[in-house]
Amino acid sequence: MVIYWQLFLSVLKIGIFGYGGGPSMIPLLEKEVVDVHRWLSQAEFVDALAMGNSLPGPIIVKMCGYIGLKVAGWPGAAIGAIGVFLPSMIAMMILAKLFFAYKDLPQVQATFKAVRPAIVALVFIVVVDIFPSSVKNWHTGLIVVVTFIVIYFLNLHPALAILGAAIFGILVY
C-alpha cells in the first residue's frame, strides 16, 4: 500500500507543479523517478520518454502510467495516470472560468508572457539531459538531424518521422 501512496503523491506533485504541459513536466518526472525514488535508471527513463512520444495522447500521462506499471503493476499504471492528470483537470476547470472572466487584464497577459520563456528552458534541460544517452554515435546523430529536417523544414507529421526512425532501427540495428 505504501508504494501506491508514494507513486500517487510523486505524480500528483508533478501534476501540480508542472506548469506548461507534458514537455515541461518531463524534467520534474525525471528528477522524481530517477533521482529521488530510483524507480527507473536514466536509460529506462529515456525508453519511457521514447515510448511516450511514439504513442498518441498526452506524453506525461503515458509516462506516468508506464512508470506506475513498472513500479506497482496495473494498479500502479492507473494511479500514475490519474495522479498526474487529476490536478490539471481540476485546475483547468477552475482556471478556465477565471481566464474567460479576466483574460484581458494586463497582469494576466504579463504572467503568460513571463512564463513562456521558462517553459522553453525546461524543454531545453530535457534535451541536454537525454542527449548523451540517446545520441551515442554518428548514425544516431544523423537520425536527430534528419528527423529535425523532415519535421521542421518539410513539415512532415512527427508520427511519420517516428515511424521512419523505428523502421530504420529495425533495419539497421
N, C-alpha and C. Protein backbone atom coordinates (compact mmCIF):
# COMPACT_ATOMS: atom_id res chain seq x y z
N MET A 1 0.82 -1.20 0.00
CA MET A 1 0.00 0.00 0.00
C MET A 1 0.87 1.27 0.00
N VAL A 2 2.03 1.20 0.64
CA VAL A 2 2.92 2.36 0.74
C VAL A 2 3.38 2.79 -0.65
N ILE A 3 3.72 1.83 -1.52
CA ILE A 3 4.20 2.18 -2.85
C ILE A 3 3.13 2.92 -3.65
N TYR A 4 1.87 2.55 -3.46
CA TYR A 4 0.79 3.24 -4.17
C TYR A 4 0.70 4.71 -3.75
N TRP A 5 0.84 4.96 -2.44
CA TRP A 5 0.80 6.34 -1.96
C TRP A 5 2.02 7.13 -2.42
N GLN A 6 3.20 6.49 -2.37
CA GLN A 6 4.41 7.17 -2.85
C GLN A 6 4.27 7.54 -4.32
N LEU A 7 3.79 6.60 -5.10
CA LEU A 7 3.60 6.84 -6.53
C LEU A 7 2.58 7.95 -6.75
N PHE A 8 1.43 7.85 -6.09
CA PHE A 8 0.38 8.85 -6.25
C PHE A 8 0.88 10.23 -5.87
N LEU A 9 1.52 10.36 -4.71
CA LEU A 9 1.99 11.67 -4.26
C LEU A 9 3.09 12.22 -5.17
N SER A 10 3.95 11.34 -5.68
CA SER A 10 5.01 11.79 -6.59
C SER A 10 4.44 12.36 -7.88
N VAL A 11 3.51 11.64 -8.50
CA VAL A 11 2.96 12.13 -9.76
C VAL A 11 1.96 13.27 -9.53
N LEU A 12 1.29 13.27 -8.39
CA LEU A 12 0.41 14.38 -8.05
C LEU A 12 1.22 15.67 -7.94
N LYS A 13 2.38 15.58 -7.31
CA LYS A 13 3.27 16.74 -7.18
C LYS A 13 3.67 17.26 -8.57
N ILE A 14 3.98 16.35 -9.47
CA ILE A 14 4.34 16.74 -10.83
C ILE A 14 3.14 17.38 -11.52
N GLY A 15 1.98 16.80 -11.31
CA GLY A 15 0.76 17.36 -11.88
C GLY A 15 0.44 18.75 -11.35
N ILE A 16 0.79 19.00 -10.11
CA ILE A 16 0.52 20.31 -9.50
C ILE A 16 1.54 21.36 -9.97
N PHE A 17 2.82 21.00 -10.02
CA PHE A 17 3.86 21.99 -10.30
C PHE A 17 4.35 22.00 -11.75
N GLY A 18 3.85 21.11 -12.58
CA GLY A 18 4.30 21.02 -13.97
C GLY A 18 3.59 21.98 -14.88
N TYR A 19 3.75 23.25 -14.66
CA TYR A 19 3.10 24.28 -15.47
C TYR A 19 3.63 24.21 -16.91
N GLY A 20 2.73 24.22 -17.85
CA GLY A 20 3.13 24.26 -19.25
C GLY A 20 2.87 22.97 -19.99
N GLY A 21 2.45 21.93 -19.31
CA GLY A 21 2.12 20.70 -20.00
C GLY A 21 3.24 19.70 -20.02
N GLY A 22 3.03 18.64 -20.81
CA GLY A 22 3.91 17.48 -20.86
C GLY A 22 5.39 17.76 -20.94
N PRO A 23 5.85 18.49 -21.97
CA PRO A 23 7.30 18.69 -22.09
C PRO A 23 7.95 19.37 -20.89
N SER A 24 7.24 20.32 -20.28
CA SER A 24 7.82 20.99 -19.12
C SER A 24 7.75 20.13 -17.86
N MET A 25 6.93 19.09 -17.88
CA MET A 25 6.81 18.20 -16.73
C MET A 25 7.87 17.10 -16.75
N ILE A 26 8.45 16.86 -17.88
CA ILE A 26 9.40 15.76 -18.03
C ILE A 26 10.59 15.90 -17.09
N PRO A 27 11.21 17.08 -16.96
CA PRO A 27 12.33 17.17 -16.01
C PRO A 27 11.89 16.93 -14.56
N LEU A 28 10.67 17.34 -14.22
CA LEU A 28 10.17 17.09 -12.88
C LEU A 28 9.99 15.59 -12.65
N LEU A 29 9.43 14.92 -13.65
CA LEU A 29 9.23 13.47 -13.56
C LEU A 29 10.57 12.75 -13.48
N GLU A 30 11.51 13.19 -14.29
CA GLU A 30 12.84 12.56 -14.29
C GLU A 30 13.48 12.68 -12.91
N LYS A 31 13.44 13.85 -12.33
CA LYS A 31 14.03 14.06 -11.00
C LYS A 31 13.38 13.13 -9.98
N GLU A 32 12.07 13.03 -10.04
CA GLU A 32 11.32 12.25 -9.06
C GLU A 32 11.59 10.75 -9.19
N VAL A 33 11.54 10.23 -10.42
CA VAL A 33 11.62 8.77 -10.59
C VAL A 33 13.04 8.24 -10.75
N VAL A 34 13.95 9.08 -11.24
CA VAL A 34 15.33 8.63 -11.42
C VAL A 34 16.18 8.99 -10.20
N ASP A 35 16.10 10.24 -9.77
CA ASP A 35 16.98 10.71 -8.69
C ASP A 35 16.42 10.46 -7.29
N VAL A 36 15.16 10.83 -7.07
CA VAL A 36 14.58 10.75 -5.72
C VAL A 36 14.25 9.31 -5.33
N HIS A 37 13.43 8.64 -6.13
CA HIS A 37 12.97 7.30 -5.76
C HIS A 37 13.78 6.16 -6.38
N ARG A 38 14.53 6.48 -7.43
CA ARG A 38 15.32 5.47 -8.15
C ARG A 38 14.46 4.31 -8.66
N TRP A 39 13.26 4.65 -9.11
CA TRP A 39 12.38 3.63 -9.67
C TRP A 39 12.84 3.23 -11.08
N LEU A 40 13.48 4.16 -11.79
CA LEU A 40 13.99 3.91 -13.13
C LEU A 40 15.42 4.40 -13.22
N SER A 41 16.21 3.74 -14.05
CA SER A 41 17.55 4.25 -14.37
C SER A 41 17.38 5.34 -15.43
N GLN A 42 18.46 6.06 -15.71
CA GLN A 42 18.41 7.10 -16.74
C GLN A 42 18.04 6.49 -18.09
N ALA A 43 18.60 5.34 -18.40
CA ALA A 43 18.31 4.68 -19.68
C ALA A 43 16.85 4.24 -19.75
N GLU A 44 16.31 3.72 -18.65
CA GLU A 44 14.91 3.32 -18.62
C GLU A 44 14.00 4.54 -18.78
N PHE A 45 14.42 5.66 -18.20
CA PHE A 45 13.62 6.88 -18.34
C PHE A 45 13.59 7.34 -19.79
N VAL A 46 14.72 7.27 -20.46
CA VAL A 46 14.78 7.64 -21.87
C VAL A 46 13.88 6.71 -22.69
N ASP A 47 13.87 5.42 -22.36
CA ASP A 47 12.98 4.48 -23.05
C ASP A 47 11.51 4.86 -22.82
N ALA A 48 11.17 5.22 -21.58
CA ALA A 48 9.80 5.64 -21.28
C ALA A 48 9.44 6.90 -22.06
N LEU A 49 10.39 7.82 -22.17
CA LEU A 49 10.18 9.05 -22.93
C LEU A 49 9.97 8.74 -24.40
N ALA A 50 10.78 7.84 -24.95
CA ALA A 50 10.63 7.45 -26.36
C ALA A 50 9.28 6.79 -26.59
N MET A 51 8.88 5.91 -25.69
CA MET A 51 7.59 5.24 -25.82
C MET A 51 6.46 6.25 -25.70
N GLY A 52 6.57 7.15 -24.75
CA GLY A 52 5.55 8.17 -24.58
C GLY A 52 5.41 9.08 -25.78
N ASN A 53 6.52 9.36 -26.45
CA ASN A 53 6.49 10.20 -27.65
C ASN A 53 5.93 9.46 -28.85
N SER A 54 6.03 8.16 -28.86
CA SER A 54 5.63 7.41 -30.05
C SER A 54 4.15 7.02 -30.05
N LEU A 55 3.47 7.23 -28.96
CA LEU A 55 2.04 6.88 -28.87
C LEU A 55 1.19 8.14 -28.81
N PRO A 56 -0.04 8.06 -29.27
CA PRO A 56 -0.90 9.24 -29.22
C PRO A 56 -1.35 9.58 -27.79
N GLY A 57 -1.62 10.84 -27.57
CA GLY A 57 -2.12 11.29 -26.28
C GLY A 57 -1.07 12.07 -25.50
N PRO A 58 -1.45 12.58 -24.34
CA PRO A 58 -0.52 13.38 -23.54
C PRO A 58 0.67 12.56 -23.05
N ILE A 59 1.86 13.02 -23.35
CA ILE A 59 3.08 12.27 -23.05
C ILE A 59 3.24 12.00 -21.56
N ILE A 60 2.96 12.98 -20.73
CA ILE A 60 3.21 12.82 -19.31
C ILE A 60 2.29 11.78 -18.69
N VAL A 61 1.06 11.69 -19.16
CA VAL A 61 0.13 10.70 -18.65
C VAL A 61 0.61 9.30 -19.03
N LYS A 62 1.07 9.15 -20.26
CA LYS A 62 1.58 7.85 -20.71
C LYS A 62 2.83 7.46 -19.93
N MET A 63 3.71 8.43 -19.72
CA MET A 63 4.95 8.13 -18.98
C MET A 63 4.64 7.74 -17.54
N CYS A 64 3.72 8.45 -16.89
CA CYS A 64 3.37 8.12 -15.51
C CYS A 64 2.67 6.77 -15.43
N GLY A 65 1.87 6.45 -16.43
CA GLY A 65 1.25 5.13 -16.49
C GLY A 65 2.30 4.04 -16.65
N TYR A 66 3.27 4.28 -17.52
CA TYR A 66 4.37 3.33 -17.75
C TYR A 66 5.18 3.12 -16.46
N ILE A 67 5.52 4.21 -15.81
CA ILE A 67 6.30 4.14 -14.57
C ILE A 67 5.49 3.44 -13.48
N GLY A 68 4.21 3.79 -13.38
CA GLY A 68 3.33 3.13 -12.42
C GLY A 68 3.24 1.64 -12.65
N LEU A 69 3.19 1.23 -13.92
CA LEU A 69 3.13 -0.19 -14.26
C LEU A 69 4.41 -0.89 -13.82
N LYS A 70 5.55 -0.26 -14.06
CA LYS A 70 6.82 -0.86 -13.67
C LYS A 70 6.95 -0.96 -12.15
N VAL A 71 6.51 0.07 -11.46
CA VAL A 71 6.69 0.15 -10.01
C VAL A 71 5.66 -0.67 -9.25
N ALA A 72 4.40 -0.66 -9.71
CA ALA A 72 3.33 -1.25 -8.91
C ALA A 72 2.28 -1.99 -9.74
N GLY A 73 2.65 -2.46 -10.91
CA GLY A 73 1.72 -3.25 -11.72
C GLY A 73 0.58 -2.42 -12.29
N TRP A 74 -0.49 -3.12 -12.70
CA TRP A 74 -1.63 -2.45 -13.32
C TRP A 74 -2.29 -1.42 -12.41
N PRO A 75 -2.46 -1.69 -11.12
CA PRO A 75 -3.00 -0.62 -10.26
C PRO A 75 -2.08 0.61 -10.25
N GLY A 76 -0.78 0.38 -10.29
CA GLY A 76 0.18 1.48 -10.34
C GLY A 76 0.06 2.29 -11.62
N ALA A 77 -0.20 1.61 -12.73
CA ALA A 77 -0.39 2.31 -14.01
C ALA A 77 -1.58 3.26 -13.91
N ALA A 78 -2.66 2.78 -13.36
CA ALA A 78 -3.85 3.62 -13.20
C ALA A 78 -3.58 4.78 -12.23
N ILE A 79 -2.92 4.47 -11.13
CA ILE A 79 -2.60 5.50 -10.14
C ILE A 79 -1.68 6.56 -10.75
N GLY A 80 -0.68 6.12 -11.52
CA GLY A 80 0.24 7.06 -12.15
C GLY A 80 -0.46 7.99 -13.12
N ALA A 81 -1.31 7.42 -13.98
CA ALA A 81 -2.01 8.23 -14.97
C ALA A 81 -3.01 9.18 -14.30
N ILE A 82 -3.79 8.67 -13.38
CA ILE A 82 -4.80 9.51 -12.72
C ILE A 82 -4.15 10.57 -11.84
N GLY A 83 -3.10 10.19 -11.11
CA GLY A 83 -2.45 11.12 -10.20
C GLY A 83 -1.86 12.33 -10.90
N VAL A 84 -1.27 12.13 -12.06
CA VAL A 84 -0.65 13.26 -12.77
C VAL A 84 -1.70 14.09 -13.50
N PHE A 85 -2.81 13.47 -13.88
CA PHE A 85 -3.85 14.15 -14.64
C PHE A 85 -4.82 14.93 -13.75
N LEU A 86 -5.06 14.43 -12.56
CA LEU A 86 -6.07 14.99 -11.67
C LEU A 86 -5.87 16.48 -11.36
N PRO A 87 -4.67 16.92 -10.95
CA PRO A 87 -4.53 18.35 -10.64
C PRO A 87 -4.81 19.26 -11.83
N SER A 88 -4.37 18.86 -13.01
CA SER A 88 -4.59 19.72 -14.17
C SER A 88 -6.06 19.75 -14.57
N MET A 89 -6.75 18.63 -14.40
CA MET A 89 -8.16 18.61 -14.74
C MET A 89 -8.94 19.55 -13.81
N ILE A 90 -8.67 19.46 -12.53
CA ILE A 90 -9.36 20.33 -11.57
C ILE A 90 -8.96 21.79 -11.79
N ALA A 91 -7.67 22.02 -11.93
CA ALA A 91 -7.20 23.40 -12.14
C ALA A 91 -7.74 23.98 -13.44
N MET A 92 -7.82 23.17 -14.49
CA MET A 92 -8.30 23.67 -15.77
C MET A 92 -9.76 24.12 -15.69
N MET A 93 -10.55 23.37 -14.98
CA MET A 93 -11.97 23.76 -14.83
C MET A 93 -12.08 25.09 -14.07
N ILE A 94 -11.28 25.24 -13.03
CA ILE A 94 -11.32 26.48 -12.24
C ILE A 94 -10.71 27.64 -13.03
N LEU A 95 -9.53 27.41 -13.60
CA LEU A 95 -8.85 28.49 -14.31
C LEU A 95 -9.54 28.92 -15.59
N ALA A 96 -10.16 27.99 -16.28
CA ALA A 96 -10.89 28.36 -17.50
C ALA A 96 -11.99 29.36 -17.17
N LYS A 97 -12.68 29.09 -16.10
CA LYS A 97 -13.75 30.01 -15.67
C LYS A 97 -13.16 31.39 -15.35
N LEU A 98 -12.05 31.40 -14.61
CA LEU A 98 -11.42 32.67 -14.25
C LEU A 98 -10.79 33.36 -15.46
N PHE A 99 -10.16 32.59 -16.33
CA PHE A 99 -9.50 33.16 -17.50
C PHE A 99 -10.50 33.89 -18.40
N PHE A 100 -11.62 33.26 -18.64
CA PHE A 100 -12.62 33.89 -19.50
C PHE A 100 -13.12 35.20 -18.89
N ALA A 101 -13.12 35.27 -17.59
CA ALA A 101 -13.58 36.49 -16.91
C ALA A 101 -12.51 37.59 -16.89
N TYR A 102 -11.20 37.19 -16.81
CA TYR A 102 -10.14 38.18 -16.58
C TYR A 102 -9.02 38.18 -17.62
N LYS A 103 -9.20 37.54 -18.75
CA LYS A 103 -8.11 37.36 -19.72
C LYS A 103 -7.51 38.65 -20.27
N ASP A 104 -8.24 39.72 -20.26
CA ASP A 104 -7.75 40.96 -20.84
C ASP A 104 -7.01 41.85 -19.84
N LEU A 105 -6.93 41.46 -18.59
CA LEU A 105 -6.20 42.26 -17.61
C LEU A 105 -4.70 42.23 -17.92
N PRO A 106 -4.01 43.35 -17.77
CA PRO A 106 -2.58 43.39 -18.05
C PRO A 106 -1.76 42.41 -17.19
N GLN A 107 -2.17 42.20 -15.95
CA GLN A 107 -1.44 41.27 -15.08
C GLN A 107 -1.52 39.83 -15.61
N VAL A 108 -2.65 39.46 -16.13
CA VAL A 108 -2.82 38.11 -16.69
C VAL A 108 -1.95 37.97 -17.94
N GLN A 109 -1.98 38.96 -18.81
CA GLN A 109 -1.16 38.93 -20.02
C GLN A 109 0.34 38.91 -19.67
N ALA A 110 0.73 39.67 -18.66
CA ALA A 110 2.14 39.71 -18.24
C ALA A 110 2.59 38.37 -17.68
N THR A 111 1.73 37.70 -16.94
CA THR A 111 2.06 36.39 -16.38
C THR A 111 2.37 35.40 -17.50
N PHE A 112 1.51 35.32 -18.49
CA PHE A 112 1.73 34.38 -19.59
C PHE A 112 2.98 34.74 -20.39
N LYS A 113 3.23 36.02 -20.56
CA LYS A 113 4.41 36.46 -21.30
C LYS A 113 5.70 36.04 -20.58
N ALA A 114 5.70 36.08 -19.26
CA ALA A 114 6.90 35.73 -18.47
C ALA A 114 7.10 34.23 -18.33
N VAL A 115 6.02 33.46 -18.31
CA VAL A 115 6.14 32.02 -18.09
C VAL A 115 6.63 31.30 -19.35
N ARG A 116 6.27 31.76 -20.53
CA ARG A 116 6.65 31.08 -21.77
C ARG A 116 8.15 30.81 -21.88
N PRO A 117 9.03 31.80 -21.65
CA PRO A 117 10.47 31.50 -21.74
C PRO A 117 10.95 30.48 -20.71
N ALA A 118 10.32 30.45 -19.54
CA ALA A 118 10.70 29.45 -18.54
C ALA A 118 10.38 28.05 -19.04
N ILE A 119 9.29 27.90 -19.75
CA ILE A 119 8.93 26.60 -20.31
C ILE A 119 9.94 26.18 -21.37
N VAL A 120 10.39 27.12 -22.19
CA VAL A 120 11.43 26.83 -23.19
C VAL A 120 12.68 26.31 -22.48
N ALA A 121 13.06 26.92 -21.39
CA ALA A 121 14.24 26.48 -20.64
C ALA A 121 14.06 25.07 -20.11
N LEU A 122 12.88 24.74 -19.61
CA LEU A 122 12.64 23.38 -19.10
C LEU A 122 12.74 22.34 -20.21
N VAL A 123 12.19 22.65 -21.38
CA VAL A 123 12.30 21.73 -22.52
C VAL A 123 13.76 21.57 -22.92
N PHE A 124 14.51 22.66 -22.93
CA PHE A 124 15.93 22.61 -23.27
C PHE A 124 16.70 21.74 -22.28
N ILE A 125 16.36 21.82 -21.01
CA ILE A 125 17.00 20.98 -19.99
C ILE A 125 16.79 19.50 -20.29
N VAL A 126 15.58 19.15 -20.72
CA VAL A 126 15.31 17.75 -21.07
C VAL A 126 16.21 17.32 -22.21
N VAL A 127 16.34 18.16 -23.23
CA VAL A 127 17.19 17.83 -24.37
C VAL A 127 18.64 17.62 -23.91
N VAL A 128 19.14 18.51 -23.10
CA VAL A 128 20.51 18.41 -22.60
C VAL A 128 20.70 17.14 -21.77
N ASP A 129 19.71 16.81 -20.96
CA ASP A 129 19.80 15.63 -20.10
C ASP A 129 19.78 14.32 -20.88
N ILE A 130 18.91 14.22 -21.88
CA ILE A 130 18.77 12.94 -22.58
C ILE A 130 19.68 12.80 -23.79
N PHE A 131 20.29 13.89 -24.24
CA PHE A 131 21.14 13.83 -25.42
C PHE A 131 22.27 12.79 -25.28
N PRO A 132 23.05 12.80 -24.20
CA PRO A 132 24.16 11.84 -24.12
C PRO A 132 23.74 10.37 -24.14
N SER A 133 22.58 10.05 -23.59
CA SER A 133 22.16 8.65 -23.59
C SER A 133 21.38 8.27 -24.84
N SER A 134 21.04 9.25 -25.67
CA SER A 134 20.27 8.97 -26.89
C SER A 134 21.09 9.09 -28.16
N VAL A 135 22.04 10.01 -28.18
CA VAL A 135 22.85 10.24 -29.38
C VAL A 135 24.27 9.81 -29.04
N LYS A 136 24.58 8.56 -29.42
CA LYS A 136 25.85 7.96 -28.99
C LYS A 136 26.87 7.83 -30.10
N ASN A 137 26.46 7.98 -31.35
CA ASN A 137 27.39 7.83 -32.47
C ASN A 137 26.86 8.62 -33.66
N TRP A 138 27.57 8.53 -34.78
CA TRP A 138 27.21 9.36 -35.93
C TRP A 138 25.84 9.00 -36.51
N HIS A 139 25.46 7.72 -36.50
CA HIS A 139 24.17 7.39 -37.11
C HIS A 139 22.99 7.78 -36.24
N THR A 140 23.14 7.76 -34.91
CA THR A 140 22.05 8.27 -34.07
C THR A 140 21.98 9.79 -34.18
N GLY A 141 23.13 10.42 -34.35
CA GLY A 141 23.16 11.86 -34.61
C GLY A 141 22.50 12.20 -35.94
N LEU A 142 22.72 11.34 -36.94
CA LEU A 142 22.09 11.52 -38.24
C LEU A 142 20.56 11.41 -38.13
N ILE A 143 20.09 10.49 -37.30
CA ILE A 143 18.64 10.36 -37.09
C ILE A 143 18.08 11.67 -36.52
N VAL A 144 18.81 12.27 -35.57
CA VAL A 144 18.37 13.55 -34.99
C VAL A 144 18.25 14.61 -36.09
N VAL A 145 19.30 14.73 -36.90
CA VAL A 145 19.33 15.76 -37.94
C VAL A 145 18.24 15.53 -38.98
N VAL A 146 18.12 14.31 -39.47
CA VAL A 146 17.10 14.00 -40.49
C VAL A 146 15.70 14.22 -39.93
N THR A 147 15.46 13.79 -38.70
CA THR A 147 14.14 13.98 -38.08
C THR A 147 13.82 15.46 -37.97
N PHE A 148 14.78 16.25 -37.52
CA PHE A 148 14.58 17.69 -37.41
C PHE A 148 14.25 18.30 -38.77
N ILE A 149 15.01 17.93 -39.79
CA ILE A 149 14.80 18.49 -41.13
C ILE A 149 13.42 18.14 -41.68
N VAL A 150 13.05 16.86 -41.59
CA VAL A 150 11.76 16.47 -42.19
C VAL A 150 10.57 17.04 -41.43
N ILE A 151 10.71 17.26 -40.14
CA ILE A 151 9.59 17.83 -39.39
C ILE A 151 9.57 19.36 -39.53
N TYR A 152 10.71 19.99 -39.33
CA TYR A 152 10.74 21.45 -39.30
C TYR A 152 10.66 22.07 -40.70
N PHE A 153 11.48 21.57 -41.62
CA PHE A 153 11.54 22.20 -42.94
C PHE A 153 10.56 21.59 -43.94
N LEU A 154 10.33 20.30 -43.87
CA LEU A 154 9.45 19.64 -44.83
C LEU A 154 8.03 19.46 -44.30
N ASN A 155 7.82 19.85 -43.04
CA ASN A 155 6.50 19.82 -42.41
C ASN A 155 5.88 18.42 -42.39
N LEU A 156 6.72 17.41 -42.27
CA LEU A 156 6.23 16.04 -42.14
C LEU A 156 5.65 15.86 -40.75
N HIS A 157 4.59 15.11 -40.64
CA HIS A 157 3.98 14.87 -39.33
C HIS A 157 4.98 14.11 -38.44
N PRO A 158 5.12 14.51 -37.17
CA PRO A 158 6.07 13.83 -36.28
C PRO A 158 5.84 12.33 -36.16
N ALA A 159 4.59 11.89 -36.23
CA ALA A 159 4.32 10.45 -36.14
C ALA A 159 4.99 9.70 -37.28
N LEU A 160 5.00 10.30 -38.47
CA LEU A 160 5.66 9.65 -39.62
C LEU A 160 7.18 9.63 -39.44
N ALA A 161 7.72 10.68 -38.85
CA ALA A 161 9.16 10.71 -38.58
C ALA A 161 9.53 9.64 -37.56
N ILE A 162 8.71 9.47 -36.53
CA ILE A 162 8.95 8.44 -35.52
C ILE A 162 8.86 7.05 -36.16
N LEU A 163 7.85 6.85 -36.99
CA LEU A 163 7.69 5.58 -37.69
C LEU A 163 8.90 5.30 -38.58
N GLY A 164 9.36 6.33 -39.29
CA GLY A 164 10.55 6.18 -40.14
C GLY A 164 11.78 5.82 -39.32
N ALA A 165 11.95 6.45 -38.17
CA ALA A 165 13.09 6.13 -37.31
C ALA A 165 12.98 4.70 -36.77
N ALA A 166 11.75 4.29 -36.44
CA ALA A 166 11.56 2.92 -35.95
C ALA A 166 11.90 1.89 -37.03
N ILE A 167 11.46 2.15 -38.24
CA ILE A 167 11.79 1.25 -39.36
C ILE A 167 13.29 1.24 -39.60
N PHE A 168 13.92 2.40 -39.56
CA PHE A 168 15.36 2.48 -39.71
C PHE A 168 16.05 1.64 -38.62
N GLY A 169 15.56 1.76 -37.38
CA GLY A 169 16.13 1.00 -36.29
C GLY A 169 16.01 -0.50 -36.49
N ILE A 170 14.86 -0.94 -36.97
CA ILE A 170 14.65 -2.37 -37.23
C ILE A 170 15.62 -2.85 -38.30
N LEU A 171 15.79 -2.07 -39.34
CA LEU A 171 16.65 -2.47 -40.46
C LEU A 171 18.14 -2.41 -40.12
N VAL A 172 18.54 -1.40 -39.39
CA VAL A 172 19.96 -1.18 -39.14
C VAL A 172 20.45 -1.85 -37.86
N TYR A 173 19.67 -1.79 -36.81
CA TYR A 173 20.12 -2.33 -35.54
C TYR A 173 19.65 -3.75 -35.31
